[in-house]
Amino acid sequence: MANFTVNTDALPQGKLLILSPAWDFDSFPELGNTLISMLSASVKERQMDADLHTWLIDFEGTDLLLRAEHYSESIWLETLSNDEGQDVLRFIATLLPSPERSST
């Protein structure tokens, strides 16, 4: 199973950064599905652009964007509404370890 950790530095901007094993554009769907499964979320819609995967997901009734940028190997969850979405991102951050918590 993939090892994911989170970085909460971008929470004020409505983003939760996800640190993951190395991946490329073609292997992201498998990795993304693993993350979605770990969160007990569901995918509502998937879009692929030149270097970006954008998935609309449902997490306990809240729509979020899961984005994955190929060249930087960056993955993040993004809110669609700052009020409720940021609370949900904070909650998700407690479900996945942060680098600080996983090193102890």
PDB file of N, CA and C in Angstrom:
ATOM      1  N   MET A   1       0.847  -1.185   0.000  1.00  0.00           N
ATOM      2  CA  MET A   1       0.000   0.000   0.000  1.00  0.00           C
ATOM      3  C   MET A   1       0.893   1.249   0.000  1.00  0.00           C
ATOM      4  N   ALA A   2       0.468   2.264  -0.688  1.00  0.00           N
ATOM      5  CA  ALA A   2       1.252   3.495  -0.823  1.00  0.00           C
ATOM      6  C   ALA A   2       1.354   4.219   0.514  1.00  0.00           C
ATOM      7  N   ASN A   3       2.462   4.889   0.691  1.00  0.00           N
ATOM      8  CA  ASN A   3       2.726   5.645   1.907  1.00  0.00           C
ATOM      9  C   ASN A   3       2.500   7.128   1.618  1.00  0.00           C
ATOM     10  N   PHE A   4       1.425   7.685   2.152  1.00  0.00           N
ATOM     11  CA  PHE A   4       1.104   9.090   1.962  1.00  0.00           C
ATOM     12  C   PHE A   4       1.325   9.844   3.257  1.00  0.00           C
ATOM     13  N   THR A   5       1.813  11.074   3.147  1.00  0.00           N
ATOM     14  CA  THR A   5       1.861  11.998   4.273  1.00  0.00           C
ATOM     15  C   THR A   5       1.312  13.336   3.800  1.00  0.00           C
ATOM     16  N   VAL A   6       1.021  14.222   4.735  1.00  0.00           N
ATOM     17  CA  VAL A   6       0.446  15.510   4.371  1.00  0.00           C
ATOM     18  C   VAL A   6       1.335  16.656   4.832  1.00  0.00           C
ATOM     19  N   ASN A   7       1.196  17.766   4.120  1.00  0.00           N
ATOM     20  CA  ASN A   7       1.829  19.025   4.482  1.00  0.00           C
ATOM     21  C   ASN A   7       0.707  20.045   4.545  1.00  0.00           C
ATOM     22  N   THR A   8       0.530  20.659   5.702  1.00  0.00           N
ATOM     23  CA  THR A   8      -0.595  21.572   5.924  1.00  0.00           C
ATOM     24  C   THR A   8      -0.255  23.037   5.680  1.00  0.00           C
ATOM     25  N   ASP A   9       0.924  23.326   5.156  1.00  0.00           N
ATOM     26  CA  ASP A   9       1.342  24.720   4.965  1.00  0.00           C
ATOM     27  C   ASP A   9       0.387  25.524   4.090  1.00  0.00           C
ATOM     28  N   ALA A  10      -0.278  24.895   3.136  1.00  0.00           N
ATOM     29  CA  ALA A  10      -1.145  25.612   2.194  1.00  0.00           C
ATOM     30  C   ALA A  10      -2.620  25.599   2.612  1.00  0.00           C
ATOM     31  N   LEU A  11      -2.936  25.129   3.815  1.00  0.00           N
ATOM     32  CA  LEU A  11      -4.327  25.115   4.254  1.00  0.00           C
ATOM     33  C   LEU A  11      -5.000  26.493   4.200  1.00  0.00           C
ATOM     34  N   PRO A  12      -4.298  27.581   4.560  1.00  0.00           N
ATOM     35  CA  PRO A  12      -4.955  28.896   4.465  1.00  0.00           C
ATOM     36  C   PRO A  12      -5.395  29.250   3.034  1.00  0.00           C
ATOM     37  N   GLN A  13      -4.773  28.647   2.032  1.00  0.00           N
ATOM     38  CA  GLN A  13      -5.150  28.871   0.633  1.00  0.00           C
ATOM     39  C   GLN A  13      -6.159  27.827   0.154  1.00  0.00           C
ATOM     40  N   GLY A  14      -6.653  26.975   1.062  1.00  0.00           N
ATOM     41  CA  GLY A  14      -7.639  25.967   0.692  1.00  0.00           C
ATOM     42  C   GLY A  14      -7.051  24.754   0.012  1.00  0.00           C
ATOM     43  N   LYS A  15      -5.777  24.425   0.338  1.00  0.00           N
ATOM     44  CA  LYS A  15      -5.112  23.276  -0.283  1.00  0.00           C
ATOM     45  C   LYS A  15      -4.426  22.433   0.782  1.00  0.00           C
ATOM     46  N   LEU A  16      -4.501  21.126   0.610  1.00  0.00           N
ATOM     47  CA  LEU A  16      -3.795  20.185   1.470  1.00  0.00           C
ATOM     48  C   LEU A  16      -2.829  19.420   0.581  1.00  0.00           C
ATOM     49  N   LEU A  17      -1.533  19.618   0.814  1.00  0.00           N
ATOM     50  CA  LEU A  17      -0.504  18.966  -0.003  1.00  0.00           C
ATOM     51  C   LEU A  17      -0.325  17.527   0.453  1.00  0.00           C
ATOM     52  N   ILE A  18      -0.260  16.625  -0.513  1.00  0.00           N
ATOM     53  CA  ILE A  18      -0.115  15.192  -0.242  1.00  0.00           C
ATOM     54  C   ILE A  18       1.256  14.753  -0.747  1.00  0.00           C
ATOM     55  N   LEU A  19       2.061  14.231   0.143  1.00  0.00           N
ATOM     56  CA  LEU A  19       3.370  13.698  -0.235  1.00  0.00           C
ATOM     57  C   LEU A  19       3.198  12.202  -0.469  1.00  0.00           C
ATOM     58  N   SER A  20       3.775  11.713  -1.559  1.00  0.00           N
ATOM     59  CA  SER A  20       3.520  10.331  -1.961  1.00  0.00           C
ATOM     60  C   SER A  20       4.777   9.694  -2.534  1.00  0.00           C
ATOM     61  N   PRO A  21       4.698   8.383  -2.778  1.00  0.00           N
ATOM     62  CA  PRO A  21       5.792   7.742  -3.515  1.00  0.00           C
ATOM     63  C   PRO A  21       5.882   8.340  -4.922  1.00  0.00           C
ATOM     64  N   ALA A  22       7.009   8.146  -5.563  1.00  0.00           N
ATOM     65  CA  ALA A  22       7.212   8.658  -6.926  1.00  0.00           C
ATOM     66  C   ALA A  22       6.155   8.088  -7.869  1.00  0.00           C
ATOM     67  N   TRP A  23       5.744   8.913  -8.828  1.00  0.00           N
ATOM     68  CA  TRP A  23       4.741   8.498  -9.806  1.00  0.00           C
ATOM     69  C   TRP A  23       4.965   9.275 -11.086  1.00  0.00           C
ATOM     70  N   ASP A  24       4.351   8.799 -12.167  1.00  0.00           N
ATOM     71  CA  ASP A  24       4.371   9.544 -13.423  1.00  0.00           C
ATOM     72  C   ASP A  24       2.931   9.688 -13.918  1.00  0.00           C
ATOM     73  N   PHE A  25       2.750  10.365 -15.015  1.00  0.00           N
ATOM     74  CA  PHE A  25       1.399  10.671 -15.496  1.00  0.00           C
ATOM     75  C   PHE A  25       0.566   9.406 -15.682  1.00  0.00           C
ATOM     76  N   ASP A  26       1.158   8.365 -16.248  1.00  0.00           N
ATOM     77  CA  ASP A  26       0.414   7.138 -16.526  1.00  0.00           C
ATOM     78  C   ASP A  26       0.140   6.307 -15.279  1.00  0.00           C
ATOM     79  N   SER A  27       0.970   6.432 -14.253  1.00  0.00           N
ATOM     80  CA  SER A  27       0.766   5.618 -13.049  1.00  0.00           C
ATOM     81  C   SER A  27      -0.087   6.325 -11.996  1.00  0.00           C
ATOM     82  N   PHE A  28      -0.396   7.618 -12.202  1.00  0.00           N
ATOM     83  CA  PHE A  28      -1.165   8.322 -11.185  1.00  0.00           C
ATOM     84  C   PHE A  28      -2.544   7.720 -10.907  1.00  0.00           C
ATOM     85  N   PRO A  29      -3.310   7.290 -11.917  1.00  0.00           N
ATOM     86  CA  PRO A  29      -4.641   6.766 -11.596  1.00  0.00           C
ATOM     87  C   PRO A  29      -4.634   5.668 -10.526  1.00  0.00           C
ATOM     88  N   GLU A  30      -3.673   4.770 -10.589  1.00  0.00           N
ATOM     89  CA  GLU A  30      -3.587   3.719  -9.565  1.00  0.00           C
ATOM     90  C   GLU A  30      -3.282   4.327  -8.194  1.00  0.00           C
ATOM     91  N   LEU A  31      -2.325   5.246  -8.156  1.00  0.00           N
ATOM     92  CA  LEU A  31      -1.968   5.899  -6.900  1.00  0.00           C
ATOM     93  C   LEU A  31      -3.139   6.733  -6.375  1.00  0.00           C
ATOM     94  N   GLY A  32      -3.792   7.471  -7.269  1.00  0.00           N
ATOM     95  CA  GLY A  32      -4.942   8.282  -6.874  1.00  0.00           C
ATOM     96  C   GLY A  32      -6.073   7.431  -6.328  1.00  0.00           C
ATOM     97  N   ASN A  33      -6.337   6.300  -6.975  1.00  0.00           N
ATOM     98  CA  ASN A  33      -7.375   5.398  -6.484  1.00  0.00           C
ATOM     99  C   ASN A  33      -7.043   4.844  -5.105  1.00  0.00           C
ATOM    100  N   THR A  34      -5.762   4.580  -4.857  1.00  0.00           N
ATOM    101  CA  THR A  34      -5.337   4.115  -3.535  1.00  0.00           C
ATOM    102  C   THR A  34      -5.624   5.181  -2.487  1.00  0.00           C
ATOM    103  N   LEU A  35      -5.275   6.434  -2.790  1.00  0.00           N
ATOM    104  CA  LEU A  35      -5.533   7.531  -1.853  1.00  0.00           C
ATOM    105  C   LEU A  35      -7.029   7.691  -1.602  1.00  0.00           C
ATOM    106  N   ILE A  36      -7.814   7.679  -2.664  1.00  0.00           N
ATOM    107  CA  ILE A  36      -9.268   7.819  -2.536  1.00  0.00           C
ATOM    108  C   ILE A  36      -9.831   6.700  -1.661  1.00  0.00           C
ATOM    109  N   SER A  37      -9.350   5.496  -1.862  1.00  0.00           N
ATOM    110  CA  SER A  37      -9.800   4.360  -1.066  1.00  0.00           C
ATOM    111  C   SER A  37      -9.422   4.531   0.404  1.00  0.00           C
ATOM    112  N   MET A  38      -8.200   4.974   0.669  1.00  0.00           N
ATOM    113  CA  MET A  38      -7.756   5.203   2.045  1.00  0.00           C
ATOM    114  C   MET A  38      -8.638   6.225   2.752  1.00  0.00           C
ATOM    115  N   LEU A  39      -9.124   7.204   2.017  1.00  0.00           N
ATOM    116  CA  LEU A  39      -9.955   8.259   2.595  1.00  0.00           C
ATOM    117  C   LEU A  39     -11.437   7.886   2.622  1.00  0.00           C
ATOM    118  N   SER A  40     -11.780   6.730   2.084  1.00  0.00           N
ATOM    119  CA  SER A  40     -13.187   6.322   1.947  1.00  0.00           C
ATOM    120  C   SER A  40     -13.988   7.392   1.204  1.00  0.00           C
ATOM    121  N   ALA A  41     -13.377   7.952   0.193  1.00  0.00           N
ATOM    122  CA  ALA A  41     -14.024   8.962  -0.657  1.00  0.00           C
ATOM    123  C   ALA A  41     -14.447   8.289  -1.958  1.00  0.00           C
ATOM    124  N   SER A  42     -15.088   9.048  -2.824  1.00  0.00           N
ATOM    125  CA  SER A  42     -15.464   8.509  -4.132  1.00  0.00           C
ATOM    126  C   SER A  42     -15.179   9.543  -5.209  1.00  0.00           C
ATOM    127  N   VAL A  43     -14.883   9.047  -6.399  1.00  0.00           N
ATOM    128  CA  VAL A  43     -14.586   9.914  -7.529  1.00  0.00           C
ATOM    129  C   VAL A  43     -15.884  10.172  -8.287  1.00  0.00           C
ATOM    130  N   LYS A  44     -16.180  11.448  -8.511  1.00  0.00           N
ATOM    131  CA  LYS A  44     -17.384  11.823  -9.255  1.00  0.00           C
ATOM    132  C   LYS A  44     -17.076  12.096 -10.725  1.00  0.00           C
ATOM    133  N   GLU A  45     -15.876  12.619 -10.981  1.00  0.00           N
ATOM    134  CA  GLU A  45     -15.491  13.023 -12.336  1.00  0.00           C
ATOM    135  C   GLU A  45     -13.972  13.027 -12.432  1.00  0.00           C
ATOM    136  N   ARG A  46     -13.439  12.680 -13.607  1.00  0.00           N
ATOM    137  CA  ARG A  46     -11.982  12.699 -13.839  1.00  0.00           C
ATOM    138  C   ARG A  46     -11.697  13.491 -15.105  1.00  0.00           C
ATOM    139  N   GLN A  47     -10.655  14.304 -15.049  1.00  0.00           N
ATOM    140  CA  GLN A  47     -10.216  15.060 -16.221  1.00  0.00           C
ATOM    141  C   GLN A  47      -8.704  14.964 -16.307  1.00  0.00           C
ATOM    142  N   MET A  48      -8.194  14.798 -17.525  1.00  0.00           N
ATOM    143  CA  MET A  48      -6.753  14.768 -17.747  1.00  0.00           C
ATOM    144  C   MET A  48      -6.403  15.869 -18.737  1.00  0.00           C
ATOM    145  N   ASP A  49      -5.396  16.650 -18.394  1.00  0.00           N
ATOM    146  CA  ASP A  49      -4.851  17.653 -19.290  1.00  0.00           C
ATOM    147  C   ASP A  49      -3.416  17.236 -19.608  1.00  0.00           C
ATOM    148  N   ALA A  50      -2.677  18.082 -20.263  1.00  0.00           N
ATOM    149  CA  ALA A  50      -1.329  17.729 -20.724  1.00  0.00           C
ATOM    150  C   ALA A  50      -0.446  17.187 -19.603  1.00  0.00           C
ATOM    151  N   ASP A  51      -0.455  17.823 -18.443  1.00  0.00           N
ATOM    152  CA  ASP A  51       0.396  17.377 -17.349  1.00  0.00           C
ATOM    153  C   ASP A  51      -0.336  17.351 -16.013  1.00  0.00           C
ATOM    154  N   LEU A  52      -1.668  17.395 -16.038  1.00  0.00           N
ATOM    155  CA  LEU A  52      -2.441  17.527 -14.800  1.00  0.00           C
ATOM    156  C   LEU A  52      -3.642  16.588 -14.792  1.00  0.00           C
ATOM    157  N   HIS A  53      -3.754  15.837 -13.709  1.00  0.00           N
ATOM    158  CA  HIS A  53      -4.971  15.067 -13.438  1.00  0.00           C
ATOM    159  C   HIS A  53      -5.813  15.918 -12.490  1.00  0.00           C
ATOM    160  N   THR A  54      -7.086  16.071 -12.775  1.00  0.00           N
ATOM    161  CA  THR A  54      -8.010  16.759 -11.882  1.00  0.00           C
ATOM    162  C   THR A  54      -9.210  15.857 -11.689  1.00  0.00           C
ATOM    163  N   TRP A  55      -9.437  15.458 -10.447  1.00  0.00           N
ATOM    164  CA  TRP A  55     -10.565  14.607 -10.118  1.00  0.00           C
ATOM    165  C   TRP A  55     -11.488  15.354  -9.170  1.00  0.00           C
ATOM    166  N   LEU A  56     -12.764  15.345  -9.458  1.00  0.00           N
ATOM    167  CA  LEU A  56     -13.768  15.846  -8.532  1.00  0.00           C
ATOM    168  C   LEU A  56     -14.140  14.675  -7.646  1.00  0.00           C
ATOM    169  N   ILE A  57     -13.931  14.833  -6.344  1.00  0.00           N
ATOM    170  CA  ILE A  57     -14.213  13.729  -5.422  1.00  0.00           C
ATOM    171  C   ILE A  57     -15.237  14.159  -4.387  1.00  0.00           C
ATOM    172  N   ASP A  58     -15.883  13.161  -3.818  1.00  0.00           N
ATOM    173  CA  ASP A  58     -16.825  13.381  -2.726  1.00  0.00           C
ATOM    174  C   ASP A  58     -16.221  12.773  -1.475  1.00  0.00           C
ATOM    175  N   PHE A  59     -16.042  13.602  -0.465  1.00  0.00           N
ATOM    176  CA  PHE A  59     -15.577  13.124   0.834  1.00  0.00           C
ATOM    177  C   PHE A  59     -16.654  13.455   1.856  1.00  0.00           C
ATOM    178  N   GLU A  60     -17.386  12.452   2.265  1.00  0.00           N
ATOM    179  CA  GLU A  60     -18.439  12.595   3.278  1.00  0.00           C
ATOM    180  C   GLU A  60     -19.394  13.744   2.964  1.00  0.00           C
ATOM    181  N   GLY A  61     -19.793  13.842   1.692  1.00  0.00           N
ATOM    182  CA  GLY A  61     -20.763  14.855   1.295  1.00  0.00           C
ATOM    183  C   GLY A  61     -20.183  16.192   0.878  1.00  0.00           C
ATOM    184  N   THR A  62     -18.860  16.333   0.929  1.00  0.00           N
ATOM    185  CA  THR A  62     -18.198  17.567   0.515  1.00  0.00           C
ATOM    186  C   THR A  62     -17.409  17.316  -0.760  1.00  0.00           C
ATOM    187  N   ASP A  63     -17.643  18.140  -1.770  1.00  0.00           N
ATOM    188  CA  ASP A  63     -16.885  18.038  -3.016  1.00  0.00           C
ATOM    189  C   ASP A  63     -15.528  18.708  -2.860  1.00  0.00           C
ATOM    190  N   LEU A  64     -14.493  18.010  -3.292  1.00  0.00           N
ATOM    191  CA  LEU A  64     -13.121  18.513  -3.292  1.00  0.00           C
ATOM    192  C   LEU A  64     -12.506  18.189  -4.648  1.00  0.00           C
ATOM    193  N   LEU A  65     -11.443  18.896  -4.984  1.00  0.00           N
ATOM    194  CA  LEU A  65     -10.654  18.557  -6.161  1.00  0.00           C
ATOM    195  C   LEU A  65      -9.393  17.846  -5.706  1.00  0.00           C
ATOM    196  N   LEU A  66      -9.106  16.718  -6.330  1.00  0.00           N
ATOM    197  CA  LEU A  66      -7.819  16.050  -6.168  1.00  0.00           C
ATOM    198  C   LEU A  66      -7.047  16.388  -7.425  1.00  0.00           C
ATOM    199  N   ARG A  67      -5.905  17.042  -7.247  1.00  0.00           N
ATOM    200  CA  ARG A  67      -5.097  17.437  -8.400  1.00  0.00           C
ATOM    201  C   ARG A  67      -3.713  16.821  -8.286  1.00  0.00           C
ATOM    202  N   ALA A  68      -3.173  16.434  -9.438  1.00  0.00           N
ATOM    203  CA  ALA A  68      -1.848  15.826  -9.490  1.00  0.00           C
ATOM    204  C   ALA A  68      -1.130  16.362 -10.714  1.00  0.00           C
ATOM    205  N   GLU A  69      -0.031  17.068 -10.478  1.00  0.00           N
ATOM    206  CA  GLU A  69       0.741  17.689 -11.559  1.00  0.00           C
ATOM    207  C   GLU A  69       1.963  16.823 -11.834  1.00  0.00           C
ATOM    208  N   HIS A  70       2.055  16.359 -13.050  1.00  0.00           N
ATOM    209  CA  HIS A  70       3.052  15.369 -13.446  1.00  0.00           C
ATOM    210  C   HIS A  70       4.494  15.834 -13.252  1.00  0.00           C
ATOM    211  N   TYR A  71       4.874  16.971 -13.781  1.00  0.00           N
ATOM    212  CA  TYR A  71       6.289  17.363 -13.810  1.00  0.00           C
ATOM    213  C   TYR A  71       6.877  17.566 -12.426  1.00  0.00           C
ATOM    214  N   SER A  72       6.104  18.095 -11.509  1.00  0.00           N
ATOM    215  CA  SER A  72       6.614  18.312 -10.144  1.00  0.00           C
ATOM    216  C   SER A  72       6.262  17.159  -9.207  1.00  0.00           C
ATOM    217  N   GLU A  73       5.511  16.169  -9.709  1.00  0.00           N
ATOM    218  CA  GLU A  73       5.010  15.072  -8.885  1.00  0.00           C
ATOM    219  C   GLU A  73       4.270  15.615  -7.661  1.00  0.00           C
ATOM    220  N   SER A  74       3.511  16.697  -7.845  1.00  0.00           N
ATOM    221  CA  SER A  74       2.751  17.315  -6.763  1.00  0.00           C
ATOM    222  C   SER A  74       1.323  16.797  -6.764  1.00  0.00           C
ATOM    223  N   ILE A  75       0.839  16.476  -5.581  1.00  0.00           N
ATOM    224  CA  ILE A  75      -0.547  16.052  -5.400  1.00  0.00           C
ATOM    225  C   ILE A  75      -1.135  16.930  -4.305  1.00  0.00           C
ATOM    226  N   TRP A  76      -2.358  17.401  -4.526  1.00  0.00           N
ATOM    227  CA  TRP A  76      -3.010  18.174  -3.479  1.00  0.00           C
ATOM    228  C   TRP A  76      -4.518  18.037  -3.576  1.00  0.00           C
ATOM    229  N   LEU A  77      -5.162  18.242  -2.439  1.00  0.00           N
ATOM    230  CA  LEU A  77      -6.606  18.349  -2.363  1.00  0.00           C
ATOM    231  C   LEU A  77      -6.931  19.825  -2.254  1.00  0.00           C
ATOM    232  N   GLU A  78      -7.981  20.237  -2.931  1.00  0.00           N
ATOM    233  CA  GLU A  78      -8.332  21.654  -2.996  1.00  0.00           C
ATOM    234  C   GLU A  78      -9.827  21.809  -2.718  1.00  0.00           C
ATOM    235  N   THR A  79     -10.166  22.839  -1.964  1.00  0.00           N
ATOM    236  CA  THR A  79     -11.571  23.094  -1.650  1.00  0.00           C
ATOM    237  C   THR A  79     -12.270  23.781  -2.812  1.00  0.00           C
ATOM    238  N   LEU A  80     -13.561  23.590  -2.876  1.00  0.00           N
ATOM    239  CA  LEU A  80     -14.390  24.326  -3.821  1.00  0.00           C
ATOM    240  C   LEU A  80     -15.067  25.494  -3.116  1.00  0.00           C
ATOM    241  N   SER A  81     -15.197  25.385  -1.796  1.00  0.00           N
ATOM    242  CA  SER A  81     -15.736  26.476  -0.978  1.00  0.00           C
ATOM    243  C   SER A  81     -14.866  26.597   0.263  1.00  0.00           C
ATOM    244  N   ASN A  82     -14.364  27.778   0.518  1.00  0.00           N
ATOM    245  CA  ASN A  82     -13.401  27.957   1.609  1.00  0.00           C
ATOM    246  C   ASN A  82     -13.949  27.624   2.986  1.00  0.00           C
ATOM    247  N   ASP A  83     -15.208  27.918   3.267  1.00  0.00           N
ATOM    248  CA  ASP A  83     -15.708  27.733   4.627  1.00  0.00           C
ATOM    249  C   ASP A  83     -15.726  26.262   5.039  1.00  0.00           C
ATOM    250  N   GLU A  84     -16.623  25.493   4.462  1.00  0.00           N
ATOM    251  CA  GLU A  84     -16.758  24.090   4.808  1.00  0.00           C
ATOM    252  C   GLU A  84     -15.542  23.289   4.346  1.00  0.00           C
ATOM    253  N   GLY A  85     -15.023  23.607   3.179  1.00  0.00           N
ATOM    254  CA  GLY A  85     -13.915  22.859   2.603  1.00  0.00           C
ATOM    255  C   GLY A  85     -12.663  22.870   3.448  1.00  0.00           C
ATOM    256  N   GLN A  86     -12.341  24.006   4.039  1.00  0.00           N
ATOM    257  CA  GLN A  86     -11.130  24.066   4.861  1.00  0.00           C
ATOM    258  C   GLN A  86     -11.259  23.209   6.107  1.00  0.00           C
ATOM    259  N   ASP A  87     -12.451  23.174   6.702  1.00  0.00           N
ATOM    260  CA  ASP A  87     -12.659  22.289   7.853  1.00  0.00           C
ATOM    261  C   ASP A  87     -12.478  20.833   7.450  1.00  0.00           C
ATOM    262  N   VAL A  88     -12.971  20.487   6.277  1.00  0.00           N
ATOM    263  CA  VAL A  88     -12.833  19.114   5.783  1.00  0.00           C
ATOM    264  C   VAL A  88     -11.365  18.792   5.522  1.00  0.00           C
ATOM    265  N   LEU A  89     -10.632  19.720   4.925  1.00  0.00           N
ATOM    266  CA  LEU A  89      -9.196  19.486   4.689  1.00  0.00           C
ATOM    267  C   LEU A  89      -8.444  19.313   5.999  1.00  0.00           C
ATOM    268  N   ARG A  90      -8.796  20.107   7.004  1.00  0.00           N
ATOM    269  CA  ARG A  90      -8.155  19.946   8.320  1.00  0.00           C
ATOM    270  C   ARG A  90      -8.438  18.553   8.884  1.00  0.00           C
ATOM    271  N   PHE A  91      -9.663  18.085   8.704  1.00  0.00           N
ATOM    272  CA  PHE A  91     -10.016  16.746   9.178  1.00  0.00           C
ATOM    273  C   PHE A  91      -9.229  15.682   8.411  1.00  0.00           C
ATOM    274  N   ILE A  92      -9.173  15.802   7.099  1.00  0.00           N
ATOM    275  CA  ILE A  92      -8.415  14.829   6.295  1.00  0.00           C
ATOM    276  C   ILE A  92      -6.950  14.815   6.720  1.00  0.00           C
ATOM    277  N   ALA A  93      -6.415  15.969   7.067  1.00  0.00           N
ATOM    278  CA  ALA A  93      -5.018  16.045   7.510  1.00  0.00           C
ATOM    279  C   ALA A  93      -4.780  15.195   8.754  1.00  0.00           C
ATOM    280  N   THR A  94      -5.811  14.983   9.564  1.00  0.00           N
ATOM    281  CA  THR A  94      -5.653  14.132  10.752  1.00  0.00           C
ATOM    282  C   THR A  94      -5.685  12.648  10.397  1.00  0.00           C
ATOM    283  N   LEU A  95      -6.217  12.326   9.211  1.00  0.00           N
ATOM    284  CA  LEU A  95      -6.314  10.924   8.798  1.00  0.00           C
ATOM    285  C   LEU A  95      -5.021  10.379   8.214  1.00  0.00           C
ATOM    286  N   LEU A  96      -4.205  11.270   7.670  1.00  0.00           N
ATOM    287  CA  LEU A  96      -2.928  10.875   7.063  1.00  0.00           C
ATOM    288  C   LEU A  96      -1.805  11.448   7.910  1.00  0.00           C
ATOM    289  N   PRO A  97      -0.727  10.725   8.048  1.00  0.00           N
ATOM    290  CA  PRO A  97       0.358  11.243   8.885  1.00  0.00           C
ATOM    291  C   PRO A  97       1.051  12.447   8.254  1.00  0.00           C
ATOM    292  N   SER A  98       1.539  13.323   9.113  1.00  0.00           N
ATOM    293  CA  SER A  98       2.405  14.404   8.632  1.00  0.00           C
ATOM    294  C   SER A  98       3.840  13.925   8.794  1.00  0.00           C
ATOM    295  N   PRO A  99       4.796  14.518   8.077  1.00  0.00           N
ATOM    296  CA  PRO A  99       6.189  14.072   8.233  1.00  0.00           C
ATOM    297  C   PRO A  99       6.668  14.138   9.671  1.00  0.00           C
ATOM    298  N   GLU A 100       6.197  15.139  10.425  1.00  0.00           N
ATOM    299  CA  GLU A 100       6.589  15.270  11.822  1.00  0.00           C
ATOM    300  C   GLU A 100       6.066  14.104  12.648  1.00  0.00           C
ATOM    301  N   ARG A 101       4.781  13.734  12.427  1.00  0.00           N
ATOM    302  CA  ARG A 101       4.172  12.648  13.203  1.00  0.00           C
ATOM    303  C   ARG A 101       4.709  11.298  12.784  1.00  0.00           C
ATOM    304  N   SER A 102       5.054  11.128  11.502  1.00  0.00           N
ATOM    305  CA  SER A 102       5.503   9.803  11.048  1.00  0.00           C
ATOM    306  C   SER A 102       6.963   9.523  11.411  1.00  0.00           C
ATOM    307  N   SER A 103       7.717  10.541  11.797  1.00  0.00           N
ATOM    308  CA  SER A 103       9.127  10.318  12.137  1.00  0.00           C
ATOM    309  C   SER A 103       9.325   9.967  13.592  1.00  0.00           C
ATOM    310  N   THR A 104       8.278  10.045  14.397  1.00  0.00           N
ATOM    311  CA  THR A 104       8.424   9.745  15.821  1.00  0.00           C
ATOM    312  C   THR A 104       8.056   8.323  16.140  1.00  0.00           C
TER     313      THR A 104
END
